[in-house]
Amino acid sequence: AQTQIQVHTLATAKSDETTNVTAL
């Protein structure tokens, strides 16, 4: 469960970072 949560968190953070960098 912790591994899934960490993977989901990292994927979400990476997608948000990509979106923000593109917008910037």
PDBML (XML) file of the C-alpha atoms, coordinates in Angstrom:
<?xml version="1.0" encoding="UTF-8" ?>
<PDBx:datablock datablockName="MODEL"
   xmlns:PDBx="http://pdbml.pdb.org/schema/pdbx-v50.xsd"
   xmlns:xsi="http://www.w3.org/2001/XMLSchema-instance"
   xsi:schemaLocation="http://pdbml.pdb.org/schema/pdbx-v50.xsd pdbx-v50.xsd">
   <PDBx:atom_siteCategory>
      <PDBx:atom_site id="1">
         <PDBx:B_iso_or_equiv>0.00</PDBx:B_iso_or_equiv>
         <PDBx:Cartn_x>0.000</PDBx:Cartn_x>
         <PDBx:Cartn_y>0.000</PDBx:Cartn_y>
         <PDBx:Cartn_z>0.000</PDBx:Cartn_z>
         <PDBx:auth_asym_id>A</PDBx:auth_asym_id>
         <PDBx:auth_atom_id>CA</PDBx:auth_atom_id>
         <PDBx:auth_comp_id>ALA</PDBx:auth_comp_id>
         <PDBx:auth_seq_id>1</PDBx:auth_seq_id>
         <PDBx:group_PDB>ATOM</PDBx:group_PDB>
         <PDBx:label_alt_id xsi:nil="true" />
         <PDBx:label_asym_id>A</PDBx:label_asym_id>
         <PDBx:label_atom_id>CA</PDBx:label_atom_id>
         <PDBx:label_comp_id>ALA</PDBx:label_comp_id>
         <PDBx:label_entity_id>1</PDBx:label_entity_id>
         <PDBx:label_seq_id>1</PDBx:label_seq_id>
         <PDBx:occupancy>1.00</PDBx:occupancy>
         <PDBx:pdbx_PDB_model_num>1</PDBx:pdbx_PDB_model_num>
         <PDBx:type_symbol>C</PDBx:type_symbol>
      </PDBx:atom_site>
      <PDBx:atom_site id="2">
         <PDBx:B_iso_or_equiv>0.00</PDBx:B_iso_or_equiv>
         <PDBx:Cartn_x>2.792</PDBx:Cartn_x>
         <PDBx:Cartn_y>2.418</PDBx:Cartn_y>
         <PDBx:Cartn_z>0.849</PDBx:Cartn_z>
         <PDBx:auth_asym_id>A</PDBx:auth_asym_id>
         <PDBx:auth_atom_id>CA</PDBx:auth_atom_id>
         <PDBx:auth_comp_id>GLN</PDBx:auth_comp_id>
         <PDBx:auth_seq_id>2</PDBx:auth_seq_id>
         <PDBx:group_PDB>ATOM</PDBx:group_PDB>
         <PDBx:label_alt_id xsi:nil="true" />
         <PDBx:label_asym_id>A</PDBx:label_asym_id>
         <PDBx:label_atom_id>CA</PDBx:label_atom_id>
         <PDBx:label_comp_id>GLN</PDBx:label_comp_id>
         <PDBx:label_entity_id>1</PDBx:label_entity_id>
         <PDBx:label_seq_id>2</PDBx:label_seq_id>
         <PDBx:occupancy>1.00</PDBx:occupancy>
         <PDBx:pdbx_PDB_model_num>1</PDBx:pdbx_PDB_model_num>
         <PDBx:type_symbol>C</PDBx:type_symbol>
      </PDBx:atom_site>
      <PDBx:atom_site id="3">
         <PDBx:B_iso_or_equiv>0.00</PDBx:B_iso_or_equiv>
         <PDBx:Cartn_x>4.530</PDBx:Cartn_x>
         <PDBx:Cartn_y>1.639</PDBx:Cartn_y>
         <PDBx:Cartn_z>-2.436</PDBx:Cartn_z>
         <PDBx:auth_asym_id>A</PDBx:auth_asym_id>
         <PDBx:auth_atom_id>CA</PDBx:auth_atom_id>
         <PDBx:auth_comp_id>THR</PDBx:auth_comp_id>
         <PDBx:auth_seq_id>3</PDBx:auth_seq_id>
         <PDBx:group_PDB>ATOM</PDBx:group_PDB>
         <PDBx:label_alt_id xsi:nil="true" />
         <PDBx:label_asym_id>A</PDBx:label_asym_id>
         <PDBx:label_atom_id>CA</PDBx:label_atom_id>
         <PDBx:label_comp_id>THR</PDBx:label_comp_id>
         <PDBx:label_entity_id>1</PDBx:label_entity_id>
         <PDBx:label_seq_id>3</PDBx:label_seq_id>
         <PDBx:occupancy>1.00</PDBx:occupancy>
         <PDBx:pdbx_PDB_model_num>1</PDBx:pdbx_PDB_model_num>
         <PDBx:type_symbol>C</PDBx:type_symbol>
      </PDBx:atom_site>
      <PDBx:atom_site id="4">
         <PDBx:B_iso_or_equiv>0.00</PDBx:B_iso_or_equiv>
         <PDBx:Cartn_x>1.346</PDBx:Cartn_x>
         <PDBx:Cartn_y>2.307</PDBx:Cartn_y>
         <PDBx:Cartn_z>-4.392</PDBx:Cartn_z>
         <PDBx:auth_asym_id>A</PDBx:auth_asym_id>
         <PDBx:auth_atom_id>CA</PDBx:auth_atom_id>
         <PDBx:auth_comp_id>GLN</PDBx:auth_comp_id>
         <PDBx:auth_seq_id>4</PDBx:auth_seq_id>
         <PDBx:group_PDB>ATOM</PDBx:group_PDB>
         <PDBx:label_alt_id xsi:nil="true" />
         <PDBx:label_asym_id>A</PDBx:label_asym_id>
         <PDBx:label_atom_id>CA</PDBx:label_atom_id>
         <PDBx:label_comp_id>GLN</PDBx:label_comp_id>
         <PDBx:label_entity_id>1</PDBx:label_entity_id>
         <PDBx:label_seq_id>4</PDBx:label_seq_id>
         <PDBx:occupancy>1.00</PDBx:occupancy>
         <PDBx:pdbx_PDB_model_num>1</PDBx:pdbx_PDB_model_num>
         <PDBx:type_symbol>C</PDBx:type_symbol>
      </PDBx:atom_site>
      <PDBx:atom_site id="5">
         <PDBx:B_iso_or_equiv>0.00</PDBx:B_iso_or_equiv>
         <PDBx:Cartn_x>0.793</PDBx:Cartn_x>
         <PDBx:Cartn_y>5.580</PDBx:Cartn_y>
         <PDBx:Cartn_z>-2.527</PDBx:Cartn_z>
         <PDBx:auth_asym_id>A</PDBx:auth_asym_id>
         <PDBx:auth_atom_id>CA</PDBx:auth_atom_id>
         <PDBx:auth_comp_id>ILE</PDBx:auth_comp_id>
         <PDBx:auth_seq_id>5</PDBx:auth_seq_id>
         <PDBx:group_PDB>ATOM</PDBx:group_PDB>
         <PDBx:label_alt_id xsi:nil="true" />
         <PDBx:label_asym_id>A</PDBx:label_asym_id>
         <PDBx:label_atom_id>CA</PDBx:label_atom_id>
         <PDBx:label_comp_id>ILE</PDBx:label_comp_id>
         <PDBx:label_entity_id>1</PDBx:label_entity_id>
         <PDBx:label_seq_id>5</PDBx:label_seq_id>
         <PDBx:occupancy>1.00</PDBx:occupancy>
         <PDBx:pdbx_PDB_model_num>1</PDBx:pdbx_PDB_model_num>
         <PDBx:type_symbol>C</PDBx:type_symbol>
      </PDBx:atom_site>
      <PDBx:atom_site id="6">
         <PDBx:B_iso_or_equiv>0.00</PDBx:B_iso_or_equiv>
         <PDBx:Cartn_x>4.356</PDBx:Cartn_x>
         <PDBx:Cartn_y>6.693</PDBx:Cartn_y>
         <PDBx:Cartn_z>-3.176</PDBx:Cartn_z>
         <PDBx:auth_asym_id>A</PDBx:auth_asym_id>
         <PDBx:auth_atom_id>CA</PDBx:auth_atom_id>
         <PDBx:auth_comp_id>GLN</PDBx:auth_comp_id>
         <PDBx:auth_seq_id>6</PDBx:auth_seq_id>
         <PDBx:group_PDB>ATOM</PDBx:group_PDB>
         <PDBx:label_alt_id xsi:nil="true" />
         <PDBx:label_asym_id>A</PDBx:label_asym_id>
         <PDBx:label_atom_id>CA</PDBx:label_atom_id>
         <PDBx:label_comp_id>GLN</PDBx:label_comp_id>
         <PDBx:label_entity_id>1</PDBx:label_entity_id>
         <PDBx:label_seq_id>6</PDBx:label_seq_id>
         <PDBx:occupancy>1.00</PDBx:occupancy>
         <PDBx:pdbx_PDB_model_num>1</PDBx:pdbx_PDB_model_num>
         <PDBx:type_symbol>C</PDBx:type_symbol>
      </PDBx:atom_site>
      <PDBx:atom_site id="7">
         <PDBx:B_iso_or_equiv>0.00</PDBx:B_iso_or_equiv>
         <PDBx:Cartn_x>4.142</PDBx:Cartn_x>
         <PDBx:Cartn_y>5.768</PDBx:Cartn_y>
         <PDBx:Cartn_z>-6.874</PDBx:Cartn_z>
         <PDBx:auth_asym_id>A</PDBx:auth_asym_id>
         <PDBx:auth_atom_id>CA</PDBx:auth_atom_id>
         <PDBx:auth_comp_id>VAL</PDBx:auth_comp_id>
         <PDBx:auth_seq_id>7</PDBx:auth_seq_id>
         <PDBx:group_PDB>ATOM</PDBx:group_PDB>
         <PDBx:label_alt_id xsi:nil="true" />
         <PDBx:label_asym_id>A</PDBx:label_asym_id>
         <PDBx:label_atom_id>CA</PDBx:label_atom_id>
         <PDBx:label_comp_id>VAL</PDBx:label_comp_id>
         <PDBx:label_entity_id>1</PDBx:label_entity_id>
         <PDBx:label_seq_id>7</PDBx:label_seq_id>
         <PDBx:occupancy>1.00</PDBx:occupancy>
         <PDBx:pdbx_PDB_model_num>1</PDBx:pdbx_PDB_model_num>
         <PDBx:type_symbol>C</PDBx:type_symbol>
      </PDBx:atom_site>
      <PDBx:atom_site id="8">
         <PDBx:B_iso_or_equiv>0.00</PDBx:B_iso_or_equiv>
         <PDBx:Cartn_x>0.837</PDBx:Cartn_x>
         <PDBx:Cartn_y>7.614</PDBx:Cartn_y>
         <PDBx:Cartn_z>-7.210</PDBx:Cartn_z>
         <PDBx:auth_asym_id>A</PDBx:auth_asym_id>
         <PDBx:auth_atom_id>CA</PDBx:auth_atom_id>
         <PDBx:auth_comp_id>HIS</PDBx:auth_comp_id>
         <PDBx:auth_seq_id>8</PDBx:auth_seq_id>
         <PDBx:group_PDB>ATOM</PDBx:group_PDB>
         <PDBx:label_alt_id xsi:nil="true" />
         <PDBx:label_asym_id>A</PDBx:label_asym_id>
         <PDBx:label_atom_id>CA</PDBx:label_atom_id>
         <PDBx:label_comp_id>HIS</PDBx:label_comp_id>
         <PDBx:label_entity_id>1</PDBx:label_entity_id>
         <PDBx:label_seq_id>8</PDBx:label_seq_id>
         <PDBx:occupancy>1.00</PDBx:occupancy>
         <PDBx:pdbx_PDB_model_num>1</PDBx:pdbx_PDB_model_num>
         <PDBx:type_symbol>C</PDBx:type_symbol>
      </PDBx:atom_site>
      <PDBx:atom_site id="9">
         <PDBx:B_iso_or_equiv>0.00</PDBx:B_iso_or_equiv>
         <PDBx:Cartn_x>2.254</PDBx:Cartn_x>
         <PDBx:Cartn_y>10.652</PDBx:Cartn_y>
         <PDBx:Cartn_z>-5.403</PDBx:Cartn_z>
         <PDBx:auth_asym_id>A</PDBx:auth_asym_id>
         <PDBx:auth_atom_id>CA</PDBx:auth_atom_id>
         <PDBx:auth_comp_id>THR</PDBx:auth_comp_id>
         <PDBx:auth_seq_id>9</PDBx:auth_seq_id>
         <PDBx:group_PDB>ATOM</PDBx:group_PDB>
         <PDBx:label_alt_id xsi:nil="true" />
         <PDBx:label_asym_id>A</PDBx:label_asym_id>
         <PDBx:label_atom_id>CA</PDBx:label_atom_id>
         <PDBx:label_comp_id>THR</PDBx:label_comp_id>
         <PDBx:label_entity_id>1</PDBx:label_entity_id>
         <PDBx:label_seq_id>9</PDBx:label_seq_id>
         <PDBx:occupancy>1.00</PDBx:occupancy>
         <PDBx:pdbx_PDB_model_num>1</PDBx:pdbx_PDB_model_num>
         <PDBx:type_symbol>C</PDBx:type_symbol>
      </PDBx:atom_site>
      <PDBx:atom_site id="10">
         <PDBx:B_iso_or_equiv>0.00</PDBx:B_iso_or_equiv>
         <PDBx:Cartn_x>5.361</PDBx:Cartn_x>
         <PDBx:Cartn_y>10.734</PDBx:Cartn_y>
         <PDBx:Cartn_z>-7.563</PDBx:Cartn_z>
         <PDBx:auth_asym_id>A</PDBx:auth_asym_id>
         <PDBx:auth_atom_id>CA</PDBx:auth_atom_id>
         <PDBx:auth_comp_id>LEU</PDBx:auth_comp_id>
         <PDBx:auth_seq_id>10</PDBx:auth_seq_id>
         <PDBx:group_PDB>ATOM</PDBx:group_PDB>
         <PDBx:label_alt_id xsi:nil="true" />
         <PDBx:label_asym_id>A</PDBx:label_asym_id>
         <PDBx:label_atom_id>CA</PDBx:label_atom_id>
         <PDBx:label_comp_id>LEU</PDBx:label_comp_id>
         <PDBx:label_entity_id>1</PDBx:label_entity_id>
         <PDBx:label_seq_id>10</PDBx:label_seq_id>
         <PDBx:occupancy>1.00</PDBx:occupancy>
         <PDBx:pdbx_PDB_model_num>1</PDBx:pdbx_PDB_model_num>
         <PDBx:type_symbol>C</PDBx:type_symbol>
      </PDBx:atom_site>
      <PDBx:atom_site id="11">
         <PDBx:B_iso_or_equiv>0.00</PDBx:B_iso_or_equiv>
         <PDBx:Cartn_x>3.316</PDBx:Cartn_x>
         <PDBx:Cartn_y>10.348</PDBx:Cartn_y>
         <PDBx:Cartn_z>-10.743</PDBx:Cartn_z>
         <PDBx:auth_asym_id>A</PDBx:auth_asym_id>
         <PDBx:auth_atom_id>CA</PDBx:auth_atom_id>
         <PDBx:auth_comp_id>ALA</PDBx:auth_comp_id>
         <PDBx:auth_seq_id>11</PDBx:auth_seq_id>
         <PDBx:group_PDB>ATOM</PDBx:group_PDB>
         <PDBx:label_alt_id xsi:nil="true" />
         <PDBx:label_asym_id>A</PDBx:label_asym_id>
         <PDBx:label_atom_id>CA</PDBx:label_atom_id>
         <PDBx:label_comp_id>ALA</PDBx:label_comp_id>
         <PDBx:label_entity_id>1</PDBx:label_entity_id>
         <PDBx:label_seq_id>11</PDBx:label_seq_id>
         <PDBx:occupancy>1.00</PDBx:occupancy>
         <PDBx:pdbx_PDB_model_num>1</PDBx:pdbx_PDB_model_num>
         <PDBx:type_symbol>C</PDBx:type_symbol>
      </PDBx:atom_site>
      <PDBx:atom_site id="12">
         <PDBx:B_iso_or_equiv>0.00</PDBx:B_iso_or_equiv>
         <PDBx:Cartn_x>0.963</PDBx:Cartn_x>
         <PDBx:Cartn_y>13.132</PDBx:Cartn_y>
         <PDBx:Cartn_z>-9.678</PDBx:Cartn_z>
         <PDBx:auth_asym_id>A</PDBx:auth_asym_id>
         <PDBx:auth_atom_id>CA</PDBx:auth_atom_id>
         <PDBx:auth_comp_id>THR</PDBx:auth_comp_id>
         <PDBx:auth_seq_id>12</PDBx:auth_seq_id>
         <PDBx:group_PDB>ATOM</PDBx:group_PDB>
         <PDBx:label_alt_id xsi:nil="true" />
         <PDBx:label_asym_id>A</PDBx:label_asym_id>
         <PDBx:label_atom_id>CA</PDBx:label_atom_id>
         <PDBx:label_comp_id>THR</PDBx:label_comp_id>
         <PDBx:label_entity_id>1</PDBx:label_entity_id>
         <PDBx:label_seq_id>12</PDBx:label_seq_id>
         <PDBx:occupancy>1.00</PDBx:occupancy>
         <PDBx:pdbx_PDB_model_num>1</PDBx:pdbx_PDB_model_num>
         <PDBx:type_symbol>C</PDBx:type_symbol>
      </PDBx:atom_site>
      <PDBx:atom_site id="13">
         <PDBx:B_iso_or_equiv>0.00</PDBx:B_iso_or_equiv>
         <PDBx:Cartn_x>3.815</PDBx:Cartn_x>
         <PDBx:Cartn_y>15.431</PDBx:Cartn_y>
         <PDBx:Cartn_z>-8.727</PDBx:Cartn_z>
         <PDBx:auth_asym_id>A</PDBx:auth_asym_id>
         <PDBx:auth_atom_id>CA</PDBx:auth_atom_id>
         <PDBx:auth_comp_id>ALA</PDBx:auth_comp_id>
         <PDBx:auth_seq_id>13</PDBx:auth_seq_id>
         <PDBx:group_PDB>ATOM</PDBx:group_PDB>
         <PDBx:label_alt_id xsi:nil="true" />
         <PDBx:label_asym_id>A</PDBx:label_asym_id>
         <PDBx:label_atom_id>CA</PDBx:label_atom_id>
         <PDBx:label_comp_id>ALA</PDBx:label_comp_id>
         <PDBx:label_entity_id>1</PDBx:label_entity_id>
         <PDBx:label_seq_id>13</PDBx:label_seq_id>
         <PDBx:occupancy>1.00</PDBx:occupancy>
         <PDBx:pdbx_PDB_model_num>1</PDBx:pdbx_PDB_model_num>
         <PDBx:type_symbol>C</PDBx:type_symbol>
      </PDBx:atom_site>
      <PDBx:atom_site id="14">
         <PDBx:B_iso_or_equiv>0.00</PDBx:B_iso_or_equiv>
         <PDBx:Cartn_x>5.592</PDBx:Cartn_x>
         <PDBx:Cartn_y>14.734</PDBx:Cartn_y>
         <PDBx:Cartn_z>-12.006</PDBx:Cartn_z>
         <PDBx:auth_asym_id>A</PDBx:auth_asym_id>
         <PDBx:auth_atom_id>CA</PDBx:auth_atom_id>
         <PDBx:auth_comp_id>LYS</PDBx:auth_comp_id>
         <PDBx:auth_seq_id>14</PDBx:auth_seq_id>
         <PDBx:group_PDB>ATOM</PDBx:group_PDB>
         <PDBx:label_alt_id xsi:nil="true" />
         <PDBx:label_asym_id>A</PDBx:label_asym_id>
         <PDBx:label_atom_id>CA</PDBx:label_atom_id>
         <PDBx:label_comp_id>LYS</PDBx:label_comp_id>
         <PDBx:label_entity_id>1</PDBx:label_entity_id>
         <PDBx:label_seq_id>14</PDBx:label_seq_id>
         <PDBx:occupancy>1.00</PDBx:occupancy>
         <PDBx:pdbx_PDB_model_num>1</PDBx:pdbx_PDB_model_num>
         <PDBx:type_symbol>C</PDBx:type_symbol>
      </PDBx:atom_site>
      <PDBx:atom_site id="15">
         <PDBx:B_iso_or_equiv>0.00</PDBx:B_iso_or_equiv>
         <PDBx:Cartn_x>2.479</PDBx:Cartn_x>
         <PDBx:Cartn_y>15.466</PDBx:Cartn_y>
         <PDBx:Cartn_z>-14.066</PDBx:Cartn_z>
         <PDBx:auth_asym_id>A</PDBx:auth_asym_id>
         <PDBx:auth_atom_id>CA</PDBx:auth_atom_id>
         <PDBx:auth_comp_id>SER</PDBx:auth_comp_id>
         <PDBx:auth_seq_id>15</PDBx:auth_seq_id>
         <PDBx:group_PDB>ATOM</PDBx:group_PDB>
         <PDBx:label_alt_id xsi:nil="true" />
         <PDBx:label_asym_id>A</PDBx:label_asym_id>
         <PDBx:label_atom_id>CA</PDBx:label_atom_id>
         <PDBx:label_comp_id>SER</PDBx:label_comp_id>
         <PDBx:label_entity_id>1</PDBx:label_entity_id>
         <PDBx:label_seq_id>15</PDBx:label_seq_id>
         <PDBx:occupancy>1.00</PDBx:occupancy>
         <PDBx:pdbx_PDB_model_num>1</PDBx:pdbx_PDB_model_num>
         <PDBx:type_symbol>C</PDBx:type_symbol>
      </PDBx:atom_site>
      <PDBx:atom_site id="16">
         <PDBx:B_iso_or_equiv>0.00</PDBx:B_iso_or_equiv>
         <PDBx:Cartn_x>1.815</PDBx:Cartn_x>
         <PDBx:Cartn_y>18.672</PDBx:Cartn_y>
         <PDBx:Cartn_z>-12.113</PDBx:Cartn_z>
         <PDBx:auth_asym_id>A</PDBx:auth_asym_id>
         <PDBx:auth_atom_id>CA</PDBx:auth_atom_id>
         <PDBx:auth_comp_id>ASP</PDBx:auth_comp_id>
         <PDBx:auth_seq_id>16</PDBx:auth_seq_id>
         <PDBx:group_PDB>ATOM</PDBx:group_PDB>
         <PDBx:label_alt_id xsi:nil="true" />
         <PDBx:label_asym_id>A</PDBx:label_asym_id>
         <PDBx:label_atom_id>CA</PDBx:label_atom_id>
         <PDBx:label_comp_id>ASP</PDBx:label_comp_id>
         <PDBx:label_entity_id>1</PDBx:label_entity_id>
         <PDBx:label_seq_id>16</PDBx:label_seq_id>
         <PDBx:occupancy>1.00</PDBx:occupancy>
         <PDBx:pdbx_PDB_model_num>1</PDBx:pdbx_PDB_model_num>
         <PDBx:type_symbol>C</PDBx:type_symbol>
      </PDBx:atom_site>
      <PDBx:atom_site id="17">
         <PDBx:B_iso_or_equiv>0.00</PDBx:B_iso_or_equiv>
         <PDBx:Cartn_x>5.400</PDBx:Cartn_x>
         <PDBx:Cartn_y>19.756</PDBx:Cartn_y>
         <PDBx:Cartn_z>-12.548</PDBx:Cartn_z>
         <PDBx:auth_asym_id>A</PDBx:auth_asym_id>
         <PDBx:auth_atom_id>CA</PDBx:auth_atom_id>
         <PDBx:auth_comp_id>GLU</PDBx:auth_comp_id>
         <PDBx:auth_seq_id>17</PDBx:auth_seq_id>
         <PDBx:group_PDB>ATOM</PDBx:group_PDB>
         <PDBx:label_alt_id xsi:nil="true" />
         <PDBx:label_asym_id>A</PDBx:label_asym_id>
         <PDBx:label_atom_id>CA</PDBx:label_atom_id>
         <PDBx:label_comp_id>GLU</PDBx:label_comp_id>
         <PDBx:label_entity_id>1</PDBx:label_entity_id>
         <PDBx:label_seq_id>17</PDBx:label_seq_id>
         <PDBx:occupancy>1.00</PDBx:occupancy>
         <PDBx:pdbx_PDB_model_num>1</PDBx:pdbx_PDB_model_num>
         <PDBx:type_symbol>C</PDBx:type_symbol>
      </PDBx:atom_site>
      <PDBx:atom_site id="18">
         <PDBx:B_iso_or_equiv>0.00</PDBx:B_iso_or_equiv>
         <PDBx:Cartn_x>5.261</PDBx:Cartn_x>
         <PDBx:Cartn_y>19.086</PDBx:Cartn_y>
         <PDBx:Cartn_z>-16.291</PDBx:Cartn_z>
         <PDBx:auth_asym_id>A</PDBx:auth_asym_id>
         <PDBx:auth_atom_id>CA</PDBx:auth_atom_id>
         <PDBx:auth_comp_id>THR</PDBx:auth_comp_id>
         <PDBx:auth_seq_id>18</PDBx:auth_seq_id>
         <PDBx:group_PDB>ATOM</PDBx:group_PDB>
         <PDBx:label_alt_id xsi:nil="true" />
         <PDBx:label_asym_id>A</PDBx:label_asym_id>
         <PDBx:label_atom_id>CA</PDBx:label_atom_id>
         <PDBx:label_comp_id>THR</PDBx:label_comp_id>
         <PDBx:label_entity_id>1</PDBx:label_entity_id>
         <PDBx:label_seq_id>18</PDBx:label_seq_id>
         <PDBx:occupancy>1.00</PDBx:occupancy>
         <PDBx:pdbx_PDB_model_num>1</PDBx:pdbx_PDB_model_num>
         <PDBx:type_symbol>C</PDBx:type_symbol>
      </PDBx:atom_site>
      <PDBx:atom_site id="19">
         <PDBx:B_iso_or_equiv>0.00</PDBx:B_iso_or_equiv>
         <PDBx:Cartn_x>2.033</PDBx:Cartn_x>
         <PDBx:Cartn_y>21.053</PDBx:Cartn_y>
         <PDBx:Cartn_z>-16.600</PDBx:Cartn_z>
         <PDBx:auth_asym_id>A</PDBx:auth_asym_id>
         <PDBx:auth_atom_id>CA</PDBx:auth_atom_id>
         <PDBx:auth_comp_id>THR</PDBx:auth_comp_id>
         <PDBx:auth_seq_id>19</PDBx:auth_seq_id>
         <PDBx:group_PDB>ATOM</PDBx:group_PDB>
         <PDBx:label_alt_id xsi:nil="true" />
         <PDBx:label_asym_id>A</PDBx:label_asym_id>
         <PDBx:label_atom_id>CA</PDBx:label_atom_id>
         <PDBx:label_comp_id>THR</PDBx:label_comp_id>
         <PDBx:label_entity_id>1</PDBx:label_entity_id>
         <PDBx:label_seq_id>19</PDBx:label_seq_id>
         <PDBx:occupancy>1.00</PDBx:occupancy>
         <PDBx:pdbx_PDB_model_num>1</PDBx:pdbx_PDB_model_num>
         <PDBx:type_symbol>C</PDBx:type_symbol>
      </PDBx:atom_site>
      <PDBx:atom_site id="20">
         <PDBx:B_iso_or_equiv>0.00</PDBx:B_iso_or_equiv>
         <PDBx:Cartn_x>3.388</PDBx:Cartn_x>
         <PDBx:Cartn_y>23.990</PDBx:Cartn_y>
         <PDBx:Cartn_z>-14.626</PDBx:Cartn_z>
         <PDBx:auth_asym_id>A</PDBx:auth_asym_id>
         <PDBx:auth_atom_id>CA</PDBx:auth_atom_id>
         <PDBx:auth_comp_id>ASN</PDBx:auth_comp_id>
         <PDBx:auth_seq_id>20</PDBx:auth_seq_id>
         <PDBx:group_PDB>ATOM</PDBx:group_PDB>
         <PDBx:label_alt_id xsi:nil="true" />
         <PDBx:label_asym_id>A</PDBx:label_asym_id>
         <PDBx:label_atom_id>CA</PDBx:label_atom_id>
         <PDBx:label_comp_id>ASN</PDBx:label_comp_id>
         <PDBx:label_entity_id>1</PDBx:label_entity_id>
         <PDBx:label_seq_id>20</PDBx:label_seq_id>
         <PDBx:occupancy>1.00</PDBx:occupancy>
         <PDBx:pdbx_PDB_model_num>1</PDBx:pdbx_PDB_model_num>
         <PDBx:type_symbol>C</PDBx:type_symbol>
      </PDBx:atom_site>
      <PDBx:atom_site id="21">
         <PDBx:B_iso_or_equiv>0.00</PDBx:B_iso_or_equiv>
         <PDBx:Cartn_x>6.661</PDBx:Cartn_x>
         <PDBx:Cartn_y>24.065</PDBx:Cartn_y>
         <PDBx:Cartn_z>-16.575</PDBx:Cartn_z>
         <PDBx:auth_asym_id>A</PDBx:auth_asym_id>
         <PDBx:auth_atom_id>CA</PDBx:auth_atom_id>
         <PDBx:auth_comp_id>VAL</PDBx:auth_comp_id>
         <PDBx:auth_seq_id>21</PDBx:auth_seq_id>
         <PDBx:group_PDB>ATOM</PDBx:group_PDB>
         <PDBx:label_alt_id xsi:nil="true" />
         <PDBx:label_asym_id>A</PDBx:label_asym_id>
         <PDBx:label_atom_id>CA</PDBx:label_atom_id>
         <PDBx:label_comp_id>VAL</PDBx:label_comp_id>
         <PDBx:label_entity_id>1</PDBx:label_entity_id>
         <PDBx:label_seq_id>21</PDBx:label_seq_id>
         <PDBx:occupancy>1.00</PDBx:occupancy>
         <PDBx:pdbx_PDB_model_num>1</PDBx:pdbx_PDB_model_num>
         <PDBx:type_symbol>C</PDBx:type_symbol>
      </PDBx:atom_site>
      <PDBx:atom_site id="22">
         <PDBx:B_iso_or_equiv>0.00</PDBx:B_iso_or_equiv>
         <PDBx:Cartn_x>4.762</PDBx:Cartn_x>
         <PDBx:Cartn_y>24.059</PDBx:Cartn_y>
         <PDBx:Cartn_z>-19.881</PDBx:Cartn_z>
         <PDBx:auth_asym_id>A</PDBx:auth_asym_id>
         <PDBx:auth_atom_id>CA</PDBx:auth_atom_id>
         <PDBx:auth_comp_id>THR</PDBx:auth_comp_id>
         <PDBx:auth_seq_id>22</PDBx:auth_seq_id>
         <PDBx:group_PDB>ATOM</PDBx:group_PDB>
         <PDBx:label_alt_id xsi:nil="true" />
         <PDBx:label_asym_id>A</PDBx:label_asym_id>
         <PDBx:label_atom_id>CA</PDBx:label_atom_id>
         <PDBx:label_comp_id>THR</PDBx:label_comp_id>
         <PDBx:label_entity_id>1</PDBx:label_entity_id>
         <PDBx:label_seq_id>22</PDBx:label_seq_id>
         <PDBx:occupancy>1.00</PDBx:occupancy>
         <PDBx:pdbx_PDB_model_num>1</PDBx:pdbx_PDB_model_num>
         <PDBx:type_symbol>C</PDBx:type_symbol>
      </PDBx:atom_site>
      <PDBx:atom_site id="23">
         <PDBx:B_iso_or_equiv>0.00</PDBx:B_iso_or_equiv>
         <PDBx:Cartn_x>2.502</PDBx:Cartn_x>
         <PDBx:Cartn_y>26.850</PDBx:Cartn_y>
         <PDBx:Cartn_z>-18.701</PDBx:Cartn_z>
         <PDBx:auth_asym_id>A</PDBx:auth_asym_id>
         <PDBx:auth_atom_id>CA</PDBx:auth_atom_id>
         <PDBx:auth_comp_id>ALA</PDBx:auth_comp_id>
         <PDBx:auth_seq_id>23</PDBx:auth_seq_id>
         <PDBx:group_PDB>ATOM</PDBx:group_PDB>
         <PDBx:label_alt_id xsi:nil="true" />
         <PDBx:label_asym_id>A</PDBx:label_asym_id>
         <PDBx:label_atom_id>CA</PDBx:label_atom_id>
         <PDBx:label_comp_id>ALA</PDBx:label_comp_id>
         <PDBx:label_entity_id>1</PDBx:label_entity_id>
         <PDBx:label_seq_id>23</PDBx:label_seq_id>
         <PDBx:occupancy>1.00</PDBx:occupancy>
         <PDBx:pdbx_PDB_model_num>1</PDBx:pdbx_PDB_model_num>
         <PDBx:type_symbol>C</PDBx:type_symbol>
      </PDBx:atom_site>
      <PDBx:atom_site id="24">
         <PDBx:B_iso_or_equiv>0.00</PDBx:B_iso_or_equiv>
         <PDBx:Cartn_x>5.470</PDBx:Cartn_x>
         <PDBx:Cartn_y>28.834</PDBx:Cartn_y>
         <PDBx:Cartn_z>-17.477</PDBx:Cartn_z>
         <PDBx:auth_asym_id>A</PDBx:auth_asym_id>
         <PDBx:auth_atom_id>CA</PDBx:auth_atom_id>
         <PDBx:auth_comp_id>LEU</PDBx:auth_comp_id>
         <PDBx:auth_seq_id>24</PDBx:auth_seq_id>
         <PDBx:group_PDB>ATOM</PDBx:group_PDB>
         <PDBx:label_alt_id xsi:nil="true" />
         <PDBx:label_asym_id>A</PDBx:label_asym_id>
         <PDBx:label_atom_id>CA</PDBx:label_atom_id>
         <PDBx:label_comp_id>LEU</PDBx:label_comp_id>
         <PDBx:label_entity_id>1</PDBx:label_entity_id>
         <PDBx:label_seq_id>24</PDBx:label_seq_id>
         <PDBx:occupancy>1.00</PDBx:occupancy>
         <PDBx:pdbx_PDB_model_num>1</PDBx:pdbx_PDB_model_num>
         <PDBx:type_symbol>C</PDBx:type_symbol>
      </PDBx:atom_site>
   </PDBx:atom_siteCategory>
</PDBx:datablock>
